[in-house]
Structure formats: structure tokens, C-alpha cells
Amino acid sequence: MEDDDVEEDPIIADDFTASIVNEKREVIIDGKVVRYTEFGTWVYHDYFTDRVEQFLLSTTPEEIDAIYASHDFEEDPFYELEPGIFLFGNPENGEDEVDMELKTPKRV
């Protein structure tokens, strides 16, 4: 029996994931954020949240399309949009298993 009160999420197709994210489509674990956006999955530490909000407002679909077209997500599943803010590759790009380990910038 279907529940007519439940709306499908236009970004998150997986019912389990949709059930565990907050209102911003985020899962936050130990200060690390995985956020599902119209541009793909973004991964960052929670202290970058304000910058991510600004970034999401100024990012265009064309910019994200150019990243997906030019970056080899099979070789490196993360693209660093800015230091500490990563775009995670789409697991539908032919990868059987996806590693969601958060990369962190190296300190010099």
C-alpha cells in the first residue's frame, strides 16, 4: 500500500537515504557533512557550511557539467571545488562500489 502523503524527493531517489537526511538533504557524522544537491553530492567539514551555502547560490549547472566532463571520477572520486569542499563523483558512472571516505586537505 502506497502512502499518498509521502512526496518523492527530486534529488534523492533512494528511499533509505531520503529517510535519514535532514531538511537540507544532509547527513552529518562527527562533523563531516554529506549533502545531496542539485549539482551532485558535496562532502565537507561542517565549519564550511556557510561557504557551501554561498557556493550553492553562485554555482551554475554549466560549471558543474564542465567539472564532470573534465575530471576523471573513476581515478579520483572527489573534485575539490575549494579547499575542503568536495564534489563527489556520481556512482552511476559505471563504478560498482563507491568509497565515501572524506578527503581532507594536507596541511603544510
N, C-alpha and C. Protein backbone atom coordinates (compact mmCIF):
# COMPACT_ATOMS: atom_id res chain seq x y z
N MET A 1 0.83 -1.18 0.00
CA MET A 1 0.00 0.00 0.00
C MET A 1 0.88 1.24 0.00
N GLU A 2 0.60 2.18 -0.90
CA GLU A 2 1.41 3.39 -1.01
C GLU A 2 0.88 4.46 -0.07
N ASP A 3 1.78 5.26 0.45
CA ASP A 3 1.40 6.36 1.32
C ASP A 3 1.32 7.61 0.45
N ASP A 4 0.11 8.14 0.25
CA ASP A 4 -0.08 9.29 -0.62
C ASP A 4 0.48 10.58 -0.02
N ASP A 5 0.77 10.58 1.30
CA ASP A 5 1.29 11.77 1.95
C ASP A 5 2.79 11.95 1.74
N VAL A 6 3.49 10.93 1.28
CA VAL A 6 4.93 11.00 1.10
C VAL A 6 5.25 11.49 -0.30
N GLU A 7 5.98 12.60 -0.36
CA GLU A 7 6.38 13.15 -1.65
C GLU A 7 7.74 12.58 -2.04
N GLU A 8 7.89 12.30 -3.33
CA GLU A 8 9.19 11.84 -3.80
C GLU A 8 10.15 13.01 -3.83
N ASP A 9 11.38 12.75 -3.45
CA ASP A 9 12.41 13.78 -3.47
C ASP A 9 12.97 13.85 -4.89
N PRO A 10 13.01 15.04 -5.49
CA PRO A 10 13.51 15.15 -6.86
C PRO A 10 15.02 14.94 -6.98
N ILE A 11 15.74 14.99 -5.87
CA ILE A 11 17.19 14.84 -5.90
C ILE A 11 17.62 13.47 -5.39
N ILE A 12 16.99 12.98 -4.33
CA ILE A 12 17.38 11.70 -3.73
C ILE A 12 16.35 10.64 -4.11
N ALA A 13 16.74 9.72 -4.97
CA ALA A 13 15.83 8.68 -5.43
C ALA A 13 15.76 7.50 -4.46
N ASP A 14 16.81 7.31 -3.67
CA ASP A 14 16.90 6.20 -2.73
C ASP A 14 16.07 6.50 -1.48
N ASP A 15 15.04 5.70 -1.22
CA ASP A 15 14.14 5.94 -0.08
C ASP A 15 14.87 5.91 1.26
N PHE A 16 15.83 4.99 1.42
CA PHE A 16 16.56 4.91 2.68
C PHE A 16 17.35 6.21 2.93
N THR A 17 18.10 6.66 1.92
CA THR A 17 18.87 7.89 2.08
C THR A 17 17.94 9.07 2.36
N ALA A 18 16.84 9.14 1.63
CA ALA A 18 15.89 10.23 1.84
C ALA A 18 15.32 10.22 3.27
N SER A 19 15.25 9.05 3.88
CA SER A 19 14.69 8.95 5.23
C SER A 19 15.67 9.38 6.32
N ILE A 20 16.98 9.44 6.02
CA ILE A 20 17.95 9.77 7.07
C ILE A 20 18.55 11.16 6.95
N VAL A 21 18.31 11.87 5.85
CA VAL A 21 18.86 13.21 5.71
C VAL A 21 17.99 14.24 6.41
N ASN A 22 18.60 15.38 6.76
CA ASN A 22 17.83 16.46 7.38
C ASN A 22 17.15 17.30 6.29
N GLU A 23 16.56 18.42 6.69
CA GLU A 23 15.80 19.25 5.75
C GLU A 23 16.67 19.85 4.63
N LYS A 24 17.98 19.92 4.85
CA LYS A 24 18.90 20.41 3.80
C LYS A 24 19.47 19.27 2.97
N ARG A 25 18.93 18.07 3.15
CA ARG A 25 19.42 16.86 2.47
C ARG A 25 20.86 16.54 2.89
N GLU A 26 21.15 16.67 4.17
CA GLU A 26 22.48 16.41 4.70
C GLU A 26 22.46 15.23 5.67
N VAL A 27 23.57 14.52 5.68
CA VAL A 27 23.87 13.56 6.73
C VAL A 27 25.15 14.09 7.37
N ILE A 28 25.13 14.28 8.69
CA ILE A 28 26.29 14.83 9.39
C ILE A 28 26.77 13.78 10.40
N ILE A 29 28.01 13.37 10.23
CA ILE A 29 28.60 12.37 11.11
C ILE A 29 29.94 12.89 11.60
N ASP A 30 30.06 13.08 12.90
CA ASP A 30 31.30 13.52 13.52
C ASP A 30 31.87 14.76 12.83
N GLY A 31 31.01 15.73 12.52
CA GLY A 31 31.45 16.99 11.93
C GLY A 31 31.65 16.96 10.43
N LYS A 32 31.52 15.80 9.82
CA LYS A 32 31.64 15.70 8.36
C LYS A 32 30.24 15.70 7.76
N VAL A 33 30.06 16.45 6.69
CA VAL A 33 28.75 16.61 6.07
C VAL A 33 28.77 15.97 4.68
N VAL A 34 27.76 15.17 4.40
CA VAL A 34 27.50 14.68 3.04
C VAL A 34 26.17 15.32 2.67
N ARG A 35 26.19 16.18 1.66
CA ARG A 35 24.99 16.94 1.29
C ARG A 35 24.62 16.64 -0.15
N TYR A 36 23.39 16.27 -0.35
CA TYR A 36 22.88 15.96 -1.69
C TYR A 36 22.29 17.24 -2.26
N THR A 37 22.79 17.67 -3.41
CA THR A 37 22.35 18.92 -4.03
C THR A 37 21.93 18.65 -5.47
N GLU A 38 21.37 19.69 -6.08
CA GLU A 38 21.01 19.57 -7.49
C GLU A 38 22.25 19.41 -8.37
N PHE A 39 23.42 19.73 -7.82
CA PHE A 39 24.68 19.65 -8.56
C PHE A 39 25.45 18.37 -8.29
N GLY A 40 24.92 17.49 -7.46
CA GLY A 40 25.63 16.28 -7.09
C GLY A 40 25.85 16.24 -5.59
N THR A 41 26.65 15.30 -5.13
CA THR A 41 26.90 15.11 -3.70
C THR A 41 28.13 15.90 -3.29
N TRP A 42 27.96 16.76 -2.29
CA TRP A 42 29.05 17.58 -1.79
C TRP A 42 29.47 17.04 -0.44
N VAL A 43 30.77 17.03 -0.17
CA VAL A 43 31.31 16.50 1.07
C VAL A 43 32.25 17.56 1.66
N TYR A 44 32.06 17.86 2.96
CA TYR A 44 32.88 18.91 3.58
C TYR A 44 32.74 18.81 5.10
N HIS A 45 33.63 19.50 5.81
CA HIS A 45 33.53 19.59 7.26
C HIS A 45 32.48 20.64 7.59
N ASP A 46 31.76 20.46 8.70
CA ASP A 46 30.64 21.36 8.99
C ASP A 46 31.04 22.82 9.15
N TYR A 47 32.31 23.11 9.43
CA TYR A 47 32.67 24.52 9.54
C TYR A 47 32.73 25.22 8.18
N PHE A 48 32.54 24.49 7.10
CA PHE A 48 32.45 25.09 5.77
C PHE A 48 31.00 25.33 5.34
N THR A 49 30.03 25.09 6.22
CA THR A 49 28.62 25.16 5.83
C THR A 49 28.24 26.53 5.27
N ASP A 50 28.65 27.63 5.91
CA ASP A 50 28.31 28.96 5.40
C ASP A 50 28.87 29.17 4.00
N ARG A 51 30.11 28.75 3.78
CA ARG A 51 30.72 28.91 2.46
C ARG A 51 30.00 28.05 1.42
N VAL A 52 29.60 26.84 1.81
CA VAL A 52 28.87 25.97 0.89
C VAL A 52 27.54 26.61 0.50
N GLU A 53 26.85 27.21 1.47
CA GLU A 53 25.58 27.89 1.17
C GLU A 53 25.80 28.98 0.11
N GLN A 54 26.86 29.78 0.27
CA GLN A 54 27.18 30.82 -0.71
C GLN A 54 27.54 30.21 -2.05
N PHE A 55 28.32 29.16 -2.00
CA PHE A 55 28.79 28.49 -3.21
C PHE A 55 27.61 27.92 -4.00
N LEU A 56 26.65 27.31 -3.30
CA LEU A 56 25.49 26.74 -3.98
C LEU A 56 24.66 27.81 -4.69
N LEU A 57 24.60 29.00 -4.11
CA LEU A 57 23.85 30.09 -4.73
C LEU A 57 24.54 30.65 -5.97
N SER A 58 25.88 30.56 -6.02
CA SER A 58 26.62 31.15 -7.13
C SER A 58 27.06 30.14 -8.20
N THR A 59 26.89 28.86 -7.93
CA THR A 59 27.33 27.83 -8.87
C THR A 59 26.28 27.62 -9.96
N THR A 60 26.74 27.43 -11.18
CA THR A 60 25.81 27.20 -12.29
C THR A 60 25.88 25.74 -12.74
N PRO A 61 24.81 25.27 -13.32
CA PRO A 61 24.83 23.90 -13.86
C PRO A 61 25.93 23.72 -14.90
N GLU A 62 26.23 24.74 -15.66
CA GLU A 62 27.28 24.65 -16.68
C GLU A 62 28.65 24.43 -16.05
N GLU A 63 28.91 25.10 -14.91
CA GLU A 63 30.19 24.91 -14.22
C GLU A 63 30.33 23.47 -13.72
N ILE A 64 29.26 22.93 -13.16
CA ILE A 64 29.30 21.56 -12.67
C ILE A 64 29.43 20.58 -13.82
N ASP A 65 28.70 20.83 -14.92
CA ASP A 65 28.82 19.97 -16.10
C ASP A 65 30.26 19.94 -16.62
N ALA A 66 30.92 21.09 -16.60
CA ALA A 66 32.31 21.16 -17.06
C ALA A 66 33.23 20.34 -16.15
N ILE A 67 32.97 20.35 -14.85
CA ILE A 67 33.77 19.55 -13.91
C ILE A 67 33.58 18.07 -14.20
N TYR A 68 32.31 17.64 -14.34
CA TYR A 68 32.05 16.22 -14.61
C TYR A 68 32.65 15.79 -15.95
N ALA A 69 32.69 16.70 -16.92
CA ALA A 69 33.23 16.37 -18.24
C ALA A 69 34.76 16.29 -18.22
N SER A 70 35.40 17.06 -17.33
CA SER A 70 36.86 17.16 -17.38
C SER A 70 37.59 16.34 -16.30
N HIS A 71 36.89 15.97 -15.23
CA HIS A 71 37.55 15.26 -14.13
C HIS A 71 37.29 13.77 -14.23
N ASP A 72 38.30 12.96 -14.01
CA ASP A 72 38.16 11.51 -14.05
C ASP A 72 37.75 11.01 -12.67
N PHE A 73 36.45 10.86 -12.45
CA PHE A 73 35.94 10.43 -11.15
C PHE A 73 36.22 8.97 -10.86
N GLU A 74 36.50 8.18 -11.88
CA GLU A 74 36.90 6.79 -11.61
C GLU A 74 38.29 6.75 -11.00
N GLU A 75 39.17 7.61 -11.49
CA GLU A 75 40.54 7.68 -10.97
C GLU A 75 40.56 8.36 -9.59
N ASP A 76 39.80 9.44 -9.45
CA ASP A 76 39.75 10.20 -8.20
C ASP A 76 38.30 10.60 -7.96
N PRO A 77 37.59 9.93 -7.02
CA PRO A 77 36.16 10.15 -6.86
C PRO A 77 35.76 11.52 -6.31
N PHE A 78 36.73 12.32 -5.89
CA PHE A 78 36.42 13.65 -5.37
C PHE A 78 37.05 14.73 -6.23
N TYR A 79 36.31 15.81 -6.44
CA TYR A 79 36.85 17.00 -7.09
C TYR A 79 36.77 18.12 -6.06
N GLU A 80 37.90 18.76 -5.78
CA GLU A 80 37.93 19.81 -4.76
C GLU A 80 37.45 21.12 -5.38
N LEU A 81 36.24 21.54 -5.02
CA LEU A 81 35.67 22.79 -5.54
C LEU A 81 36.41 24.00 -4.98
N GLU A 82 36.73 23.93 -3.71
CA GLU A 82 37.54 24.91 -2.99
C GLU A 82 38.23 24.10 -1.91
N PRO A 83 39.29 24.63 -1.30
CA PRO A 83 39.94 23.86 -0.25
C PRO A 83 38.94 23.37 0.81
N GLY A 84 38.83 22.06 0.94
CA GLY A 84 37.96 21.47 1.94
C GLY A 84 36.53 21.20 1.52
N ILE A 85 36.15 21.62 0.30
CA ILE A 85 34.78 21.41 -0.20
C ILE A 85 34.88 20.56 -1.45
N PHE A 86 34.30 19.36 -1.40
CA PHE A 86 34.48 18.38 -2.47
C PHE A 86 33.17 18.02 -3.14
N LEU A 87 33.24 17.84 -4.45
CA LEU A 87 32.15 17.27 -5.23
C LEU A 87 32.47 15.80 -5.39
N PHE A 88 31.55 14.95 -4.95
CA PHE A 88 31.77 13.51 -5.02
C PHE A 88 31.22 12.98 -6.34
N GLY A 89 32.00 12.13 -6.99
CA GLY A 89 31.60 11.58 -8.27
C GLY A 89 30.30 10.81 -8.21
N ASN A 90 29.60 10.80 -9.30
CA ASN A 90 28.33 10.11 -9.41
C ASN A 90 28.57 8.61 -9.49
N PRO A 91 28.04 7.82 -8.54
CA PRO A 91 28.29 6.38 -8.57
C PRO A 91 27.69 5.70 -9.79
N GLU A 92 26.85 6.38 -10.54
CA GLU A 92 26.27 5.80 -11.75
C GLU A 92 27.24 5.87 -12.92
N ASN A 93 28.44 6.38 -12.71
CA ASN A 93 29.43 6.46 -13.78
C ASN A 93 30.11 5.13 -14.05
N GLY A 94 29.45 4.03 -13.71
CA GLY A 94 30.00 2.73 -14.02
C GLY A 94 30.75 2.08 -12.88
N GLU A 95 30.85 2.74 -11.75
CA GLU A 95 31.57 2.15 -10.62
C GLU A 95 30.63 1.20 -9.88
N ASP A 96 31.13 0.01 -9.55
CA ASP A 96 30.32 -0.95 -8.82
C ASP A 96 30.25 -0.62 -7.34
N GLU A 97 31.34 -0.12 -6.81
CA GLU A 97 31.40 0.18 -5.39
C GLU A 97 31.98 1.58 -5.23
N VAL A 98 31.43 2.36 -4.33
CA VAL A 98 31.84 3.74 -4.16
C VAL A 98 32.44 3.92 -2.77
N ASP A 99 33.59 4.56 -2.69
CA ASP A 99 34.25 4.82 -1.41
C ASP A 99 33.89 6.23 -0.98
N MET A 100 33.17 6.36 0.14
CA MET A 100 32.74 7.68 0.60
C MET A 100 33.69 8.27 1.64
N GLU A 101 34.93 7.80 1.68
CA GLU A 101 35.89 8.33 2.65
C GLU A 101 36.15 9.80 2.34
N LEU A 102 36.06 10.62 3.35
CA LEU A 102 36.27 12.06 3.16
C LEU A 102 37.75 12.36 3.02
N LYS A 103 38.11 13.06 1.95
CA LYS A 103 39.48 13.51 1.81
C LYS A 103 39.62 14.84 2.55
N THR A 104 40.74 15.06 3.15
CA THR A 104 40.98 16.33 3.82
C THR A 104 42.25 16.94 3.26
N PRO A 105 42.27 18.27 3.14
CA PRO A 105 43.46 18.90 2.58
C PRO A 105 44.68 18.69 3.47
N LYS A 106 45.81 18.50 2.85
CA LYS A 106 47.05 18.32 3.61
C LYS A 106 47.54 19.66 4.12
N ARG A 107 47.95 19.69 5.34
CA ARG A 107 48.49 20.93 5.93
C ARG A 107 49.97 21.00 5.64
N VAL A 108 50.44 22.19 5.30
CA VAL A 108 51.86 22.37 5.01
C VAL A 108 52.56 22.93 6.22
